[in-house]
PDB file of N, CA and C in Angstrom:
ATOM      1  N   MET A   1     105.250-138.703 -49.971  1.00  0.00           N
ATOM      2  CA  MET A   1     104.919-138.630 -48.562  1.00  0.00           C
ATOM      3  C   MET A   1     106.035-139.307 -47.770  1.00  0.00           C
ATOM      4  N   ILE A   2     106.520-138.609 -46.802  1.00  0.00           N
ATOM      5  CA  ILE A   2     107.585-139.146 -45.968  1.00  0.00           C
ATOM      6  C   ILE A   2     106.961-139.662 -44.681  1.00  0.00           C
ATOM      7  N   GLN A   3     107.277-140.884 -44.359  1.00  0.00           N
ATOM      8  CA  GLN A   3     106.713-141.488 -43.161  1.00  0.00           C
ATOM      9  C   GLN A   3     107.844-141.759 -42.176  1.00  0.00           C
ATOM     10  N   THR A   4     107.698-141.244 -40.992  1.00  0.00           N
ATOM     11  CA  THR A   4     108.706-141.465 -39.969  1.00  0.00           C
ATOM     12  C   THR A   4     108.059-142.141 -38.772  1.00  0.00           C
ATOM     13  N   GLU A   5     108.883-142.744 -37.991  1.00  0.00           N
ATOM     14  CA  GLU A   5     108.375-143.407 -36.785  1.00  0.00           C
ATOM     15  C   GLU A   5     108.841-142.596 -35.581  1.00  0.00           C
ATOM     16  N   ASN A   6     107.923-141.904 -34.979  1.00  0.00           N
ATOM     17  CA  ASN A   6     108.235-141.074 -33.832  1.00  0.00           C
ATOM     18  C   ASN A   6     107.279-141.476 -32.709  1.00  0.00           C
ATOM     19  N   ARG A   7     107.727-142.368 -31.877  1.00  0.00           N
ATOM     20  CA  ARG A   7     106.851-142.918 -30.841  1.00  0.00           C
ATOM     21  C   ARG A   7     106.397-141.856 -29.842  1.00  0.00           C
ATOM     22  N   LYS A   8     107.263-140.939 -29.479  1.00  0.00           N
ATOM     23  CA  LYS A   8     106.893-139.904 -28.508  1.00  0.00           C
ATOM     24  C   LYS A   8     105.788-139.017 -29.066  1.00  0.00           C
ATOM     25  N   SER A   9     105.890-138.672 -30.316  1.00  0.00           N
ATOM     26  CA  SER A   9     104.860-137.845 -30.944  1.00  0.00           C
ATOM     27  C   SER A   9     103.549-138.619 -31.038  1.00  0.00           C
ATOM     28  N   ASP A  10     103.625-139.885 -31.415  1.00  0.00           N
ATOM     29  CA  ASP A  10     102.420-140.711 -31.503  1.00  0.00           C
ATOM     30  C   ASP A  10     101.749-140.843 -30.140  1.00  0.00           C
ATOM     31  N   GLU A  11     102.542-141.034 -29.097  1.00  0.00           N
ATOM     32  CA  GLU A  11     101.987-141.145 -27.746  1.00  0.00           C
ATOM     33  C   GLU A  11     101.353-139.827 -27.312  1.00  0.00           C
ATOM     34  N   ALA A  12     101.986-138.725 -27.640  1.00  0.00           N
ATOM     35  CA  ALA A  12     101.441-137.418 -27.264  1.00  0.00           C
ATOM     36  C   ALA A  12     100.111-137.164 -27.973  1.00  0.00           C
ATOM     37  N   VAL A  13     100.037-137.495 -29.237  1.00  0.00           N
ATOM     38  CA  VAL A  13      98.784-137.316 -29.984  1.00  0.00           C
ATOM     39  C   VAL A  13      97.707-138.235 -29.415  1.00  0.00           C
ATOM     40  N   GLY A  14      98.067-139.452 -29.107  1.00  0.00           N
ATOM     41  CA  GLY A  14      97.104-140.388 -28.519  1.00  0.00           C
ATOM     42  C   GLY A  14      96.586-139.898 -27.177  1.00  0.00           C
ATOM     43  N   LYS A  15      97.481-139.403 -26.338  1.00  0.00           N
ATOM     44  CA  LYS A  15      97.065-138.871 -25.038  1.00  0.00           C
ATOM     45  C   LYS A  15      96.180-137.638 -25.209  1.00  0.00           C
ATOM     46  N   GLY A  16      96.487-136.812 -26.208  1.00  0.00           N
ATOM     47  CA  GLY A  16      95.674-135.626 -26.473  1.00  0.00           C
ATOM     48  C   GLY A  16      94.258-136.007 -26.897  1.00  0.00           C
ATOM     49  N   ILE A  17      94.163-137.005 -27.773  1.00  0.00           N
ATOM     50  CA  ILE A  17      92.840-137.455 -28.218  1.00  0.00           C
ATOM     51  C   ILE A  17      92.053-138.038 -27.049  1.00  0.00           C
ATOM     52  N   VAL A  18      92.702-138.829 -26.208  1.00  0.00           N
ATOM     53  CA  VAL A  18      92.033-139.391 -25.036  1.00  0.00           C
ATOM     54  C   VAL A  18      91.578-138.281 -24.094  1.00  0.00           C
ATOM     55  N   ALA A  19      92.422-137.259 -23.923  1.00  0.00           N
ATOM     56  CA  ALA A  19      92.051-136.143 -23.044  1.00  0.00           C
ATOM     57  C   ALA A  19      90.841-135.394 -23.598  1.00  0.00           C
ATOM     58  N   ILE A  20      90.784-135.212 -24.907  1.00  0.00           N
ATOM     59  CA  ILE A  20      89.632-134.536 -25.517  1.00  0.00           C
ATOM     60  C   ILE A  20      88.368-135.355 -25.317  1.00  0.00           C
ATOM     61  N   PHE A  21      88.437-136.660 -25.543  1.00  0.00           N
ATOM     62  CA  PHE A  21      87.268-137.518 -25.336  1.00  0.00           C
ATOM     63  C   PHE A  21      86.844-137.541 -23.870  1.00  0.00           C
ATOM     64  N   ALA A  22      87.808-137.532 -22.962  1.00  0.00           N
ATOM     65  CA  ALA A  22      87.482-137.513 -21.534  1.00  0.00           C
ATOM     66  C   ALA A  22      86.783-136.200 -21.171  1.00  0.00           C
ATOM     67  N   LEU A  23      87.260-135.099 -21.715  1.00  0.00           N
ATOM     68  CA  LEU A  23      86.625-133.808 -21.460  1.00  0.00           C
ATOM     69  C   LEU A  23      85.195-133.792 -21.987  1.00  0.00           C
ATOM     70  N   ILE A  24      84.985-134.329 -23.181  1.00  0.00           N
ATOM     71  CA  ILE A  24      83.637-134.394 -23.753  1.00  0.00           C
ATOM     72  C   ILE A  24      82.739-135.268 -22.883  1.00  0.00           C
ATOM     73  N   ALA A  25      83.256-136.388 -22.386  1.00  0.00           N
ATOM     74  CA  ALA A  25      82.463-137.269 -21.535  1.00  0.00           C
ATOM     75  C   ALA A  25      82.084-136.577 -20.226  1.00  0.00           C
ATOM     76  N   VAL A  26      83.016-135.846 -19.634  1.00  0.00           N
ATOM     77  CA  VAL A  26      82.729-135.123 -18.396  1.00  0.00           C
ATOM     78  C   VAL A  26      81.680-134.047 -18.643  1.00  0.00           C
ATOM     79  N   LEU A  27      81.807-133.301 -19.733  1.00  0.00           N
ATOM     80  CA  LEU A  27      80.827-132.267 -20.048  1.00  0.00           C
ATOM     81  C   LEU A  27      79.449-132.873 -20.314  1.00  0.00           C
ATOM     82  N   ALA A  28      79.402-134.019 -20.964  1.00  0.00           N
ATOM     83  CA  ALA A  28      78.125-134.694 -21.201  1.00  0.00           C
ATOM     84  C   ALA A  28      77.497-135.140 -19.881  1.00  0.00           C
ATOM     85  N   ALA A  29      78.309-135.642 -18.953  1.00  0.00           N
ATOM     86  CA  ALA A  29      77.795-136.063 -17.652  1.00  0.00           C
ATOM     87  C   ALA A  29      77.268-134.870 -16.862  1.00  0.00           C
ATOM     88  N   VAL A  30      77.981-133.758 -16.908  1.00  0.00           N
ATOM     89  CA  VAL A  30      77.524-132.548 -16.210  1.00  0.00           C
ATOM     90  C   VAL A  30      76.223-132.050 -16.826  1.00  0.00           C
ATOM     91  N   SER A  31      76.142-132.059 -18.145  1.00  0.00           N
ATOM     92  CA  SER A  31      74.919-131.626 -18.829  1.00  0.00           C
ATOM     93  C   SER A  31      73.748-132.525 -18.457  1.00  0.00           C
ATOM     94  N   PHE A  32      73.966-133.831 -18.424  1.00  0.00           N
ATOM     95  CA  PHE A  32      72.901-134.766 -18.061  1.00  0.00           C
ATOM     96  C   PHE A  32      72.445-134.542 -16.619  1.00  0.00           C
ATOM     97  N   ALA A  33      73.390-134.355 -15.710  1.00  0.00           N
ATOM     98  CA  ALA A  33      73.043-134.115 -14.303  1.00  0.00           C
ATOM     99  C   ALA A  33      72.264-132.812 -14.151  1.00  0.00           C
ATOM    100  N   TYR A  34      72.673-131.776 -14.875  1.00  0.00           N
ATOM    101  CA  TYR A  34      71.978-130.487 -14.812  1.00  0.00           C
ATOM    102  C   TYR A  34      70.551-130.619 -15.338  1.00  0.00           C
ATOM    103  N   GLN A  35      70.390-131.263 -16.482  1.00  0.00           N
ATOM    104  CA  GLN A  35      69.054-131.436 -17.052  1.00  0.00           C
ATOM    105  C   GLN A  35      68.168-132.269 -16.137  1.00  0.00           C
ATOM    106  N   THR A  36      68.734-133.272 -15.486  1.00  0.00           N
ATOM    107  CA  THR A  36      67.973-134.097 -14.560  1.00  0.00           C
ATOM    108  C   THR A  36      67.522-133.272 -13.351  1.00  0.00           C
ATOM    109  N   ALA A  37      68.424-132.479 -12.791  1.00  0.00           N
ATOM    110  CA  ALA A  37      68.084-131.646 -11.633  1.00  0.00           C
ATOM    111  C   ALA A  37      67.023-130.617 -11.996  1.00  0.00           C
ATOM    112  N   VAL A  38      67.152-130.002 -13.156  1.00  0.00           N
ATOM    113  CA  VAL A  38      66.149-129.017 -13.589  1.00  0.00           C
ATOM    114  C   VAL A  38      64.807-129.696 -13.795  1.00  0.00           C
ATOM    115  N   GLY A  39      64.801-130.877 -14.371  1.00  0.00           N
ATOM    116  CA  GLY A  39      63.556-131.625 -14.570  1.00  0.00           C
ATOM    117  C   GLY A  39      62.886-131.951 -13.253  1.00  0.00           C
ATOM    118  N   TRP A  40      63.668-132.403 -12.270  1.00  0.00           N
ATOM    119  CA  TRP A  40      63.105-132.702 -10.950  1.00  0.00           C
ATOM    120  C   TRP A  40      62.544-131.440 -10.307  1.00  0.00           C
ATOM    121  N   TYR A  41      63.254-130.337 -10.434  1.00  0.00           N
ATOM    122  CA  TYR A  41      62.808-129.077  -9.855  1.00  0.00           C
ATOM    123  C   TYR A  41      61.483-128.638 -10.484  1.00  0.00           C
ATOM    124  N   GLU A  42      61.415-128.692 -11.800  1.00  0.00           N
ATOM    125  CA  GLU A  42      60.187-128.279 -12.477  1.00  0.00           C
ATOM    126  C   GLU A  42      59.026-129.198 -12.128  1.00  0.00           C
ATOM    127  N   ALA A  43      59.274-130.509 -12.074  1.00  0.00           N
ATOM    128  CA  ALA A  43      58.212-131.453 -11.723  1.00  0.00           C
ATOM    129  C   ALA A  43      57.738-131.220 -10.289  1.00  0.00           C
ATOM    130  N   ALA A  44      58.660-130.947  -9.376  1.00  0.00           N
ATOM    131  CA  ALA A  44      58.285-130.690  -7.986  1.00  0.00           C
ATOM    132  C   ALA A  44      57.492-129.391  -7.874  1.00  0.00           C
ATOM    133  N   ALA A  45      57.889-128.372  -8.629  1.00  0.00           N
ATOM    134  CA  ALA A  45      57.173-127.094  -8.595  1.00  0.00           C
ATOM    135  C   ALA A  45      55.748-127.268  -9.121  1.00  0.00           C
ATOM    136  N   ILE A  46      55.599-128.013 -10.201  1.00  0.00           N
ATOM    137  CA  ILE A  46      54.252-128.262 -10.752  1.00  0.00           C
ATOM    138  C   ILE A  46      53.414-129.055  -9.754  1.00  0.00           C
ATOM    139  N   TRP A  47      54.014-130.095  -9.152  1.00  0.00           N
ATOM    140  CA  TRP A  47      53.278-130.916  -8.195  1.00  0.00           C
ATOM    141  C   TRP A  47      52.842-130.084  -6.988  1.00  0.00           C
ATOM    142  N   LEU A  48      53.734-129.250  -6.475  1.00  0.00           N
ATOM    143  CA  LEU A  48      53.388-128.419  -5.322  1.00  0.00           C
ATOM    144  C   LEU A  48      52.301-127.402  -5.671  1.00  0.00           C
ATOM    145  N   ALA A  49      52.349-126.851  -6.872  1.00  0.00           N
ATOM    146  CA  ALA A  49      51.325-125.898  -7.289  1.00  0.00           C
ATOM    147  C   ALA A  49      49.965-126.590  -7.384  1.00  0.00           C
ATOM    148  N   GLU A  50      49.947-127.789  -7.951  1.00  0.00           N
ATOM    149  CA  GLU A  50      48.684-128.520  -8.062  1.00  0.00           C
ATOM    150  C   GLU A  50      48.172-128.952  -6.688  1.00  0.00           C
ATOM    151  N   ALA A  51      49.068-129.373  -5.809  1.00  0.00           N
ATOM    152  CA  ALA A  51      48.650-129.753  -4.458  1.00  0.00           C
ATOM    153  C   ALA A  51      48.106-128.541  -3.713  1.00  0.00           C
ATOM    154  N   GLY A  52      48.737-127.388  -3.899  1.00  0.00           N
ATOM    155  CA  GLY A  52      48.257-126.161  -3.265  1.00  0.00           C
ATOM    156  C   GLY A  52      46.877-125.770  -3.771  1.00  0.00           C
ATOM    157  N   GLN A  53      46.658-125.906  -5.063  1.00  0.00           N
ATOM    158  CA  GLN A  53      45.336-125.602  -5.619  1.00  0.00           C
ATOM    159  C   GLN A  53      44.286-126.571  -5.089  1.00  0.00           C
ATOM    160  N   TYR A  54      44.662-127.834  -4.974  1.00  0.00           N
ATOM    161  CA  TYR A  54      43.736-128.827  -4.445  1.00  0.00           C
ATOM    162  C   TYR A  54      43.364-128.495  -2.998  1.00  0.00           C
ATOM    163  N   LEU A  55      44.367-128.197  -2.185  1.00  0.00           N
ATOM    164  CA  LEU A  55      44.111-127.867  -0.784  1.00  0.00           C
ATOM    165  C   LEU A  55      43.355-126.547  -0.651  1.00  0.00           C
ATOM    166  N   ALA A  56      43.620-125.601  -1.543  1.00  0.00           N
ATOM    167  CA  ALA A  56      42.910-124.325  -1.503  1.00  0.00           C
ATOM    168  C   ALA A  56      41.430-124.509  -1.842  1.00  0.00           C
ATOM    169  N   GLY A  57      41.090-125.580  -2.517  1.00  0.00           N
ATOM    170  CA  GLY A  57      39.703-125.873  -2.830  1.00  0.00           C
ATOM    171  C   GLY A  57      38.862-126.138  -1.580  1.00  0.00           C
ATOM    172  N   PHE A  58      39.504-126.515  -0.497  1.00  0.00           N
ATOM    173  CA  PHE A  58      38.795-126.777   0.756  1.00  0.00           C
ATOM    174  C   PHE A  58      38.666-125.516   1.610  1.00  0.00           C
ATOM    175  N   TRP A  59      39.287-124.434   1.187  1.00  0.00           N
ATOM    176  CA  TRP A  59      39.252-123.172   1.956  1.00  0.00           C
ATOM    177  C   TRP A  59      37.820-122.650   1.937  1.00  0.00           C
ATOM    178  N   PRO A  60      37.278-122.321   3.091  1.00  0.00           N
ATOM    179  CA  PRO A  60      35.851-121.950   3.139  1.00  0.00           C
ATOM    180  C   PRO A  60      35.524-120.564   2.594  1.00  0.00           C
ATOM    181  N   PHE A  61      36.502-119.762   2.262  1.00  0.00           N
ATOM    182  CA  PHE A  61      36.206-118.402   1.808  1.00  0.00           C
ATOM    183  C   PHE A  61      36.340-118.278   0.317  1.00  0.00           C
TER     184      PHE A  61
END
């Protein structure tokens, strides 16, 4: 095995790995935000449906 010291190559590989991890972190944050927004939307839709049914119970017809 031949081992050489190439600082520019090492720096480029290090920057590439950091860029990949940063991309994964950004995608994870976007996924978390999307799941949170969808959860809020679904919870609000369920709450509004139940509130509507409750209020419809007072309808005289």
